[in-house]
């Protein structure tokens, strides 16, 4: 029987996944008090904010007190770049990961050996919830490096005792060969790359029932149930969603399980989740769309209090199907800001603007086109040359492409157009972003 039809008949559950509400509340309350005391002793930014809010001890705090505690934002990390919020001595840092940020600087996150062990533990839970076992072979096609996706899955597979194939991203023909030869049962990669792999198998004449994969764990970019259906059709697998962000731990903060009916179980013994109104910062009721906000109870190097993710989802604290009793979150419905996610990389339009406007051969007009006609979206930066004879210049195009790649950590295409070719607006905000899903290109010359 394929995992696509199974519901963890012999799953071994971590006790934290099945404890009663009262047991979990007691554990979370104790860990909240310990976290607050650690932050106060450290006397860094978060400790000072706690004192300003009238909190000078963790003793007596309960989960009901969280809404009166200060929020933390990505801007706090950027303003204290590179590791200004570090809560342990530098010699205890075992590694550093990160994601893209503003001004060409990534958002850096330090990990102690204990943090890596925690990460491996919650990722192992996530993989087990997807049906992976010690006997599994996990084909890991997330990128390895500063991005947390590849190494997060790798740590979790090791903790689970499974075999991991560290394929990383790209080199698709080699990936097809490895999948056919090693016969993995679990695929981990972005959802868009899962579609790309499925299309490549189809082009090679390999049918889904010849591949051997049974389940996929896909994250690092938003995706819909329509894409889920496409992945499952192309690869013959059960496609599950995983959620995480480097600031909290990386992948493994929450994950769908085979029996969760489309919801993601949050590892809430370590990461307490709230939803707040993105405009007011006030809590919203469970079941209502809100911005996910996490408190990291047990992280050592970078503990965060009520960290605003910018991700929008719903929470459900009622008991779901299966044995797990942890809070469930919906798939993400969007972002509270204008960040783009292209092939797993966070891109802010403001970063593109800084690169475009810094080039003296380019006018102050640009348009970002997200070409979503294929499974792996591409980003095209359309800019205008200051002089008509510079339009289409290979030198300027190459220079902009290199500068954008350096700033964003992502290769994107550059279309350098004659002056006056991009649309203008006289009223309201300029339109800087369009999504091209079908039909004619939004600007002339785009292919």
Protein backbone atom coordinates (compact mmCIF):
# COMPACT_ATOMS: atom_id res chain seq x y z
CA UNK A 1 0.00 0.00 0.00
CA UNK A 2 1.34 3.45 -0.91
CA UNK A 3 1.74 6.11 1.76
CA UNK A 4 -0.69 8.16 -0.31
CA UNK A 5 -3.39 5.81 1.01
CA UNK A 6 -2.04 5.24 4.51
CA UNK A 7 -2.71 6.93 7.85
CA UNK A 8 0.32 6.12 9.98
CA UNK A 9 -0.98 2.70 11.10
CA UNK A 10 2.20 1.94 13.08
CA UNK A 11 3.36 5.48 13.89
CA UNK A 12 5.37 6.07 17.05
CA UNK A 13 4.31 9.39 18.54
CA UNK A 14 6.45 11.77 20.56
CA UNK A 15 4.69 12.15 23.95
CA UNK A 16 4.56 15.93 23.44
CA UNK A 17 2.34 15.42 20.39
CA UNK A 18 -0.39 13.58 22.29
CA UNK A 19 -0.38 15.10 25.79
CA UNK A 20 -3.55 16.57 27.25
CA UNK A 21 -4.36 20.26 27.04
CA UNK A 22 -3.70 20.68 30.77
CA UNK A 23 -0.32 18.93 30.55
CA UNK A 24 0.75 21.02 27.58
CA UNK A 25 -0.43 24.28 29.16
CA UNK A 26 1.59 23.52 32.30
CA UNK A 27 4.69 22.79 30.20
CA UNK A 28 4.27 25.92 28.09
CA UNK A 29 3.69 28.11 31.14
CA UNK A 30 6.86 26.85 32.82
CA UNK A 31 8.87 27.38 29.64
CA UNK A 32 7.45 30.88 29.16
CA UNK A 33 8.55 31.87 32.66
CA UNK A 34 12.02 30.42 32.04
CA UNK A 35 12.31 32.26 28.72
CA UNK A 36 11.37 35.60 30.23
CA UNK A 37 13.89 35.13 33.04
CA UNK A 38 16.63 34.32 30.50
CA UNK A 39 15.82 37.43 28.48
CA UNK A 40 15.82 39.61 31.59
CA UNK A 41 19.17 38.25 32.78
CA UNK A 42 20.67 38.80 29.33
CA UNK A 43 19.43 42.40 29.43
CA UNK A 44 19.46 42.79 25.67
CA UNK A 45 16.80 44.42 23.52
CA UNK A 46 14.05 41.99 24.48
CA UNK A 47 14.92 42.11 28.17
CA UNK A 48 14.79 45.90 28.17
CA UNK A 49 11.45 45.84 26.40
CA UNK A 50 10.09 43.45 29.02
CA UNK A 51 11.14 45.80 31.82
CA UNK A 52 9.57 48.73 29.96
CA UNK A 53 6.34 46.70 29.86
CA UNK A 54 6.50 46.28 33.66
CA UNK A 55 7.82 42.70 33.66
CA UNK A 56 10.84 42.18 35.93
CA UNK A 57 10.47 38.44 36.51
CA UNK A 58 9.01 35.40 34.77
CA UNK A 59 7.48 34.18 38.01
CA UNK A 60 3.71 34.14 37.95
CA UNK A 61 3.34 34.70 34.20
CA UNK A 62 0.77 32.63 32.33
CA UNK A 63 -0.06 32.18 28.66
CA UNK A 64 -2.88 34.68 29.16
CA UNK A 65 -0.21 37.33 29.80
CA UNK A 66 1.36 36.98 26.37
CA UNK A 67 -0.74 39.69 24.66
CA UNK A 68 0.68 42.31 27.03
CA UNK A 69 4.26 41.31 26.34
CA UNK A 70 6.23 43.16 23.62
CA UNK A 71 6.29 42.01 20.00
CA UNK A 72 9.49 41.35 18.04
CA UNK A 73 9.87 42.05 14.31
CA UNK A 74 12.25 41.30 11.46
CA UNK A 75 13.27 44.96 11.60
CA UNK A 76 14.72 44.28 15.06
CA UNK A 77 16.99 41.64 13.56
CA UNK A 78 18.01 43.92 10.70
CA UNK A 79 18.73 46.83 13.03
CA UNK A 80 20.97 44.62 15.18
CA UNK A 81 22.74 42.95 12.27
CA UNK A 82 24.64 40.69 12.23
CA UNK A 83 24.14 38.96 15.60
CA UNK A 84 23.16 41.76 17.95
CA UNK A 85 20.36 39.75 19.58
CA UNK A 86 22.61 36.80 20.39
CA UNK A 87 21.68 35.42 23.82
CA UNK A 88 24.68 33.15 24.42
CA UNK A 89 28.44 33.74 24.42
CA UNK A 90 29.82 33.77 20.85
CA UNK A 91 31.91 30.65 21.48
CA UNK A 92 28.68 28.66 21.96
CA UNK A 93 27.49 29.38 18.40
CA UNK A 94 27.77 26.20 16.35
CA UNK A 95 26.55 27.56 13.00
CA UNK A 96 24.76 30.46 11.36
CA UNK A 97 21.90 30.31 8.85
CA UNK A 98 19.89 33.09 7.31
CA UNK A 99 17.49 34.41 4.75
CA UNK A 100 17.46 37.43 2.47
CA UNK A 101 17.03 40.85 4.02
CA UNK A 102 17.25 44.50 3.04
CA UNK A 103 20.24 46.53 2.01
CA UNK A 104 21.97 43.47 0.63
CA UNK A 105 22.29 42.01 4.13
CA UNK A 106 20.72 38.66 5.03
CA UNK A 107 18.73 38.04 8.19
CA UNK A 108 21.23 35.97 10.17
CA UNK A 109 20.25 33.42 12.79
CA UNK A 110 22.76 31.75 15.11
CA UNK A 111 22.37 28.20 16.42
CA UNK A 112 23.98 26.44 19.35
CA UNK A 113 24.52 22.68 19.33
CA UNK A 114 21.37 22.47 21.44
CA UNK A 115 19.43 24.46 18.85
CA UNK A 116 20.56 22.08 16.11
CA UNK A 117 19.45 19.12 18.22
CA UNK A 118 16.07 20.80 18.76
CA UNK A 119 15.77 21.46 15.03
CA UNK A 120 16.59 17.83 14.22
CA UNK A 121 14.01 16.69 16.76
CA UNK A 122 11.08 18.73 15.43
CA UNK A 123 12.03 17.90 11.83
CA UNK A 124 12.10 14.20 12.71
CA UNK A 125 8.59 14.59 14.14
CA UNK A 126 7.48 16.29 10.94
CA UNK A 127 8.92 13.59 8.71
CA UNK A 128 7.42 10.87 10.90
CA UNK A 129 4.03 12.57 10.66
CA UNK A 130 4.38 12.37 6.88
CA UNK A 131 4.90 8.62 7.15
CA UNK A 132 8.70 8.42 7.05
CA UNK A 133 10.38 5.73 9.17
CA UNK A 134 13.87 4.44 9.88
CA UNK A 135 13.46 2.30 6.77
CA UNK A 136 12.75 5.33 4.54
CA UNK A 137 15.03 6.77 1.88
CA UNK A 138 14.50 10.54 1.73
CA UNK A 139 15.44 12.34 -1.49
CA UNK A 140 16.21 15.85 -0.28
CA UNK A 141 16.09 18.41 -3.12
CA UNK A 142 15.99 21.54 -0.96
CA UNK A 143 19.03 23.76 -1.36
CA UNK A 144 21.91 23.33 1.06
CA UNK A 145 23.76 26.33 2.45
CA UNK A 146 22.72 29.48 4.30
CA UNK A 147 19.08 28.69 3.44
CA UNK A 148 17.68 26.39 6.14
CA UNK A 149 15.67 24.03 3.91
CA UNK A 150 18.23 21.42 2.89
CA UNK A 151 20.10 21.09 6.17
CA UNK A 152 16.88 21.18 8.20
CA UNK A 153 15.54 18.11 6.42
CA UNK A 154 18.98 16.50 6.60
CA UNK A 155 19.17 16.96 10.39
CA UNK A 156 15.65 15.57 10.80
CA UNK A 157 16.29 12.53 8.63
CA UNK A 158 19.37 11.76 10.68
CA UNK A 159 17.47 12.05 13.96
CA UNK A 160 14.76 9.78 12.58
CA UNK A 161 17.34 7.22 11.51
CA UNK A 162 16.30 7.34 7.86
CA UNK A 163 18.60 7.31 4.84
CA UNK A 164 18.95 10.76 3.25
CA UNK A 165 20.06 11.51 -0.30
CA UNK A 166 21.42 15.10 -0.17
CA UNK A 167 20.62 15.92 -3.80
CA UNK A 168 20.18 19.65 -3.13
CA UNK A 169 18.54 21.82 -5.79
CA UNK A 170 19.07 21.84 -9.55
CA UNK A 171 20.70 19.36 -11.96
CA UNK A 172 17.31 17.83 -12.67
CA UNK A 173 18.48 15.03 -14.97
CA UNK A 174 20.78 13.76 -12.23
CA UNK A 175 17.88 13.94 -9.78
CA UNK A 176 15.71 11.84 -12.07
CA UNK A 177 18.45 9.22 -12.27
CA UNK A 178 18.97 9.14 -8.49
CA UNK A 179 15.24 8.77 -7.84
CA UNK A 180 14.97 5.91 -10.32
CA UNK A 181 18.09 4.13 -9.09
CA UNK A 182 17.85 4.62 -5.31
CA UNK A 183 14.04 4.25 -5.12
CA UNK A 184 13.39 6.79 -2.33
CA UNK A 185 9.91 6.74 -0.80
CA UNK A 186 9.98 10.38 0.46
CA UNK A 187 10.65 13.53 -1.60
CA UNK A 188 11.44 16.85 0.09
CA UNK A 189 11.64 20.00 -2.05
CA UNK A 190 9.73 23.16 -2.89
CA UNK A 191 6.29 22.53 -4.41
CA UNK A 192 7.26 24.23 -7.65
CA UNK A 193 10.28 21.96 -8.01
CA UNK A 194 8.11 18.92 -7.33
CA UNK A 195 5.99 19.94 -10.33
CA UNK A 196 9.13 20.49 -12.36
CA UNK A 197 10.40 17.01 -11.48
CA UNK A 198 7.03 15.49 -12.37
CA UNK A 199 7.04 17.21 -15.75
CA UNK A 200 10.61 16.06 -16.37
CA UNK A 201 9.66 12.47 -15.58
CA UNK A 202 6.70 12.73 -17.97
CA UNK A 203 8.93 14.14 -20.71
CA UNK A 204 11.28 11.20 -20.18
CA UNK A 205 8.37 8.76 -20.55
CA UNK A 206 8.48 7.63 -16.90
CA UNK A 207 5.01 7.06 -15.46
CA UNK A 208 4.14 7.91 -11.82
CA UNK A 209 3.78 4.25 -10.87
CA UNK A 210 7.33 3.62 -12.07
CA UNK A 211 8.92 6.26 -9.84
CA UNK A 212 8.53 4.65 -6.40
CA UNK A 213 8.01 7.86 -4.42
CA UNK A 214 5.13 7.71 -1.96
CA UNK A 215 4.98 11.05 -0.15
CA UNK A 216 6.30 14.56 -0.64
CA UNK A 217 6.97 17.22 2.02
CA UNK A 218 6.93 20.62 0.36
CA UNK A 219 7.47 24.13 1.70
CA UNK A 220 9.60 27.32 1.47
CA UNK A 221 7.05 29.01 -0.81
CA UNK A 222 3.27 29.50 -0.81
CA UNK A 223 1.29 26.88 -2.71
CA UNK A 224 -2.33 26.02 -3.28
CA UNK A 225 -4.42 22.88 -3.20
CA UNK A 226 -4.53 23.11 -7.00
CA UNK A 227 -0.75 22.73 -7.06
CA UNK A 228 -1.08 19.87 -4.56
CA UNK A 229 -3.35 18.06 -6.99
CA UNK A 230 -0.90 18.69 -9.81
CA UNK A 231 2.02 17.30 -7.79
CA UNK A 232 0.06 14.24 -6.78
CA UNK A 233 -1.02 13.58 -10.35
CA UNK A 234 2.46 13.99 -11.81
CA UNK A 235 4.37 12.00 -9.19
CA UNK A 236 1.73 9.65 -7.81
CA UNK A 237 2.44 10.73 -4.24
CA UNK A 238 0.69 12.25 -1.25
CA UNK A 239 1.85 15.89 -1.15
CA UNK A 240 2.05 17.51 2.31
CA UNK A 241 2.84 21.05 3.41
CA UNK A 242 5.61 22.00 5.84
CA UNK A 243 6.11 25.42 7.44
CA UNK A 244 9.05 27.12 9.02
CA UNK A 245 11.27 30.17 8.95
CA UNK A 246 14.90 30.55 9.89
CA UNK A 247 14.19 33.08 12.64
CA UNK A 248 12.14 30.49 14.56
CA UNK A 249 14.22 27.38 13.73
CA UNK A 250 13.84 26.60 10.01
CA UNK A 251 11.52 23.97 8.50
CA UNK A 252 9.76 21.90 11.12
CA UNK A 253 7.85 24.59 12.99
CA UNK A 254 4.63 23.00 11.69
CA UNK A 255 3.79 20.26 9.22
CA UNK A 256 0.85 18.42 7.76
CA UNK A 257 0.46 14.79 8.72
CA UNK A 258 -1.16 11.96 6.81
CA UNK A 259 -4.28 12.26 8.95
CA UNK A 260 -4.55 16.04 9.51
CA UNK A 261 -6.95 16.80 6.64
CA UNK A 262 -4.93 19.68 5.21
CA UNK A 263 -4.04 21.34 8.53
CA UNK A 264 -0.48 21.68 9.84
CA UNK A 265 0.32 20.60 13.39
CA UNK A 266 2.46 23.17 15.22
CA UNK A 267 5.31 21.93 17.45
CA UNK A 268 3.86 24.03 20.22
CA UNK A 269 5.82 22.60 23.11
CA UNK A 270 8.73 24.55 21.62
CA UNK A 271 7.06 27.24 19.49
CA UNK A 272 3.97 28.91 20.91
CA UNK A 273 1.82 30.43 18.18
CA UNK A 274 -0.66 33.30 18.25
CA UNK A 275 -2.53 35.10 15.50
CA UNK A 276 -2.75 38.88 15.63
CA UNK A 277 -4.32 41.62 13.56
CA UNK A 278 -1.51 42.72 11.21
CA UNK A 279 -2.63 46.36 11.48
CA UNK A 280 -3.24 46.71 15.21
CA UNK A 281 -1.12 43.91 16.67
CA UNK A 282 -4.08 42.82 18.80
CA UNK A 283 -4.93 39.10 19.15
CA UNK A 284 -7.59 37.67 16.85
CA UNK A 285 -9.81 34.69 17.76
CA UNK A 286 -8.93 31.19 16.64
CA UNK A 287 -10.46 30.46 13.26
CA UNK A 288 -10.03 34.05 12.07
CA UNK A 289 -7.31 35.00 9.61
CA UNK A 290 -4.38 36.67 11.33
CA UNK A 291 -0.62 37.14 11.28
CA UNK A 292 1.29 34.22 12.76
CA UNK A 293 3.37 35.25 15.77
CA UNK A 294 5.73 32.82 17.52
CA UNK A 295 7.44 32.64 20.90
CA UNK A 296 10.44 30.28 20.97
CA UNK A 297 10.40 28.68 24.41
CA UNK A 298 13.53 26.55 24.15
CA UNK A 299 15.89 28.12 21.61
CA UNK A 300 19.23 29.11 23.05
CA UNK A 301 21.18 31.35 20.67
CA UNK A 302 18.30 33.49 19.40
CA UNK A 303 15.24 33.17 21.63
CA UNK A 304 12.41 35.32 20.32
CA UNK A 305 9.37 36.68 22.09
CA UNK A 306 6.16 37.08 20.07
CA UNK A 307 7.95 37.26 16.73
CA UNK A 308 5.82 38.65 13.90
CA UNK A 309 6.29 36.47 10.82
CA UNK A 310 4.19 38.45 8.35
CA UNK A 311 2.52 35.17 7.32
CA UNK A 312 -1.28 34.99 7.33
CA UNK A 313 -3.13 31.86 8.45
CA UNK A 314 -5.84 30.55 10.77
CA UNK A 315 -5.46 28.51 13.97
CA UNK A 316 -7.65 25.70 15.29
CA UNK A 317 -7.11 24.55 18.87
CA UNK A 318 -9.95 22.02 18.82
CA UNK A 319 -9.09 18.34 18.72
CA UNK A 320 -8.55 17.19 15.15
CA UNK A 321 -8.57 13.70 13.67
CA UNK A 322 -5.91 11.25 14.75
CA UNK A 323 -4.01 11.07 18.04
CA UNK A 324 -2.16 14.39 17.89
CA UNK A 325 -3.54 17.05 20.21
CA UNK A 326 -1.36 19.99 19.16
CA UNK A 327 -2.77 23.21 17.75
CA UNK A 328 -3.30 23.18 14.00
CA UNK A 329 -2.74 25.98 11.51
CA UNK A 330 -4.11 26.37 8.01
CA UNK A 331 -1.99 26.63 4.91
CA UNK A 332 -0.72 30.17 4.47
CA UNK A 333 -3.15 32.43 2.65
CA UNK A 334 -0.69 35.25 1.98
CA UNK A 335 1.66 37.80 3.46
CA UNK A 336 1.03 40.86 5.57
CA UNK A 337 3.64 42.72 3.52
CA UNK A 338 4.65 42.84 -0.12
CA UNK A 339 7.41 40.25 0.01
CA UNK A 340 7.71 37.90 -2.95
CA UNK A 341 8.91 34.31 -2.67
CA UNK A 342 10.70 33.22 -5.85
CA UNK A 343 12.07 29.65 -5.87
CA UNK A 344 12.25 29.71 -2.09
CA UNK A 345 14.08 33.07 -1.88
CA UNK A 346 12.48 36.09 -0.24
CA UNK A 347 12.50 39.14 -2.51
CA UNK A 348 11.41 42.64 -1.52
CA UNK A 349 10.54 45.07 -4.34
CA UNK A 350 12.36 47.80 -2.43
CA UNK A 351 15.62 45.87 -2.82
CA UNK A 352 15.13 45.69 -6.58
CA UNK A 353 14.41 49.41 -6.68
CA UNK A 354 17.67 50.19 -4.89
CA UNK A 355 19.66 48.24 -7.49
CA UNK A 356 17.83 49.72 -10.48
CA UNK A 357 18.07 53.30 -9.29
CA UNK A 358 21.76 52.92 -8.48
CA UNK A 359 22.66 52.33 -12.15
CA UNK A 360 23.31 55.62 -13.95
CA UNK A 361 22.32 54.19 -17.33
CA UNK A 362 18.82 53.33 -16.11
CA UNK A 363 15.82 55.60 -15.58
CA UNK A 364 13.74 55.68 -12.41
CA UNK A 365 11.11 53.40 -13.90
CA UNK A 366 10.85 49.68 -13.39
CA UNK A 367 8.30 46.89 -13.30
CA UNK A 368 8.64 43.47 -11.69
CA UNK A 369 6.97 40.66 -13.61
CA UNK A 370 6.45 37.35 -11.84
CA UNK A 371 6.12 34.90 -14.71
CA UNK A 372 3.96 32.16 -13.17
CA UNK A 373 3.15 30.32 -16.38
CA UNK A 374 5.38 27.43 -15.37
CA UNK A 375 5.81 25.42 -12.18
CA UNK A 376 8.95 27.36 -11.23
CA UNK A 377 8.14 31.08 -11.38
CA UNK A 378 10.78 33.42 -12.78
CA UNK A 379 11.29 37.06 -11.90
CA UNK A 380 11.79 39.50 -14.75
CA UNK A 381 12.97 43.01 -13.91
CA UNK A 382 11.81 45.40 -16.63
CA UNK A 383 13.72 48.68 -16.60
CA UNK A 384 14.04 51.70 -18.89
CA UNK A 385 17.27 52.98 -20.36
CA UNK A 386 17.96 56.68 -19.90
CA UNK A 387 18.98 56.99 -23.56
CA UNK A 388 17.29 55.35 -26.51
CA UNK A 389 20.55 53.98 -27.86
CA UNK A 390 21.21 52.15 -24.56
CA UNK A 391 18.02 50.09 -24.77
CA UNK A 392 18.81 46.42 -24.95
CA UNK A 393 22.47 47.03 -24.17
CA UNK A 394 24.09 43.72 -23.29
CA UNK A 395 26.59 45.47 -21.02
CA UNK A 396 23.94 47.29 -18.98
CA UNK A 397 21.70 44.23 -18.86
CA UNK A 398 24.56 42.05 -17.64
CA UNK A 399 25.60 44.66 -15.05
CA UNK A 400 22.06 44.92 -13.67
CA UNK A 401 21.66 41.16 -13.63
CA UNK A 402 24.88 40.72 -11.68
CA UNK A 403 23.96 43.47 -9.20
CA UNK A 404 20.50 41.97 -8.65
CA UNK A 405 21.95 38.51 -8.15
CA UNK A 406 24.40 39.89 -5.58
CA UNK A 407 21.66 41.78 -3.71
CA UNK A 408 18.88 39.18 -3.84
CA UNK A 409 20.80 35.92 -3.86
CA UNK A 410 18.68 34.98 -6.87
CA UNK A 411 19.19 35.02 -10.61
CA UNK A 412 16.52 37.01 -12.40
CA UNK A 413 16.13 38.19 -15.96
CA UNK A 414 16.54 41.82 -16.97
CA UNK A 415 14.65 43.46 -19.84
CA UNK A 416 16.12 46.87 -20.67
CA UNK A 417 13.57 48.87 -22.64
CA UNK A 418 13.62 52.21 -24.52
CA UNK A 419 12.61 55.36 -22.60
CA UNK A 420 8.89 55.79 -22.05
CA UNK A 421 7.90 52.17 -22.65
CA UNK A 422 6.81 51.24 -19.13
CA UNK A 423 3.33 52.22 -17.93
CA UNK A 424 2.95 55.39 -15.87
CA UNK A 425 0.28 56.49 -13.45
CA UNK A 426 -0.77 59.99 -12.59
CA UNK A 427 -3.04 59.13 -9.65
CA UNK A 428 -2.21 56.87 -6.72
CA UNK A 429 0.72 54.53 -6.38
CA UNK A 430 2.82 53.37 -9.27
CA UNK A 431 2.24 49.80 -10.27
CA UNK A 432 5.55 48.07 -9.69
CA UNK A 433 4.51 44.41 -9.72
CA UNK A 434 2.44 42.26 -12.07
CA UNK A 435 1.84 38.53 -12.12
CA UNK A 436 1.82 36.91 -15.56
CA UNK A 437 -0.14 33.67 -15.46
CA UNK A 438 -1.48 33.41 -19.03
CA UNK A 439 -2.20 35.35 -22.21
CA UNK A 440 -0.17 38.14 -23.73
CA UNK A 441 2.89 39.48 -21.90
CA UNK A 442 2.23 42.50 -19.68
CA UNK A 443 4.95 44.51 -21.43
CA UNK A 444 6.20 44.50 -25.02
CA UNK A 445 9.34 42.48 -25.64
CA UNK A 446 8.75 40.03 -22.78
CA UNK A 447 8.86 36.37 -23.73
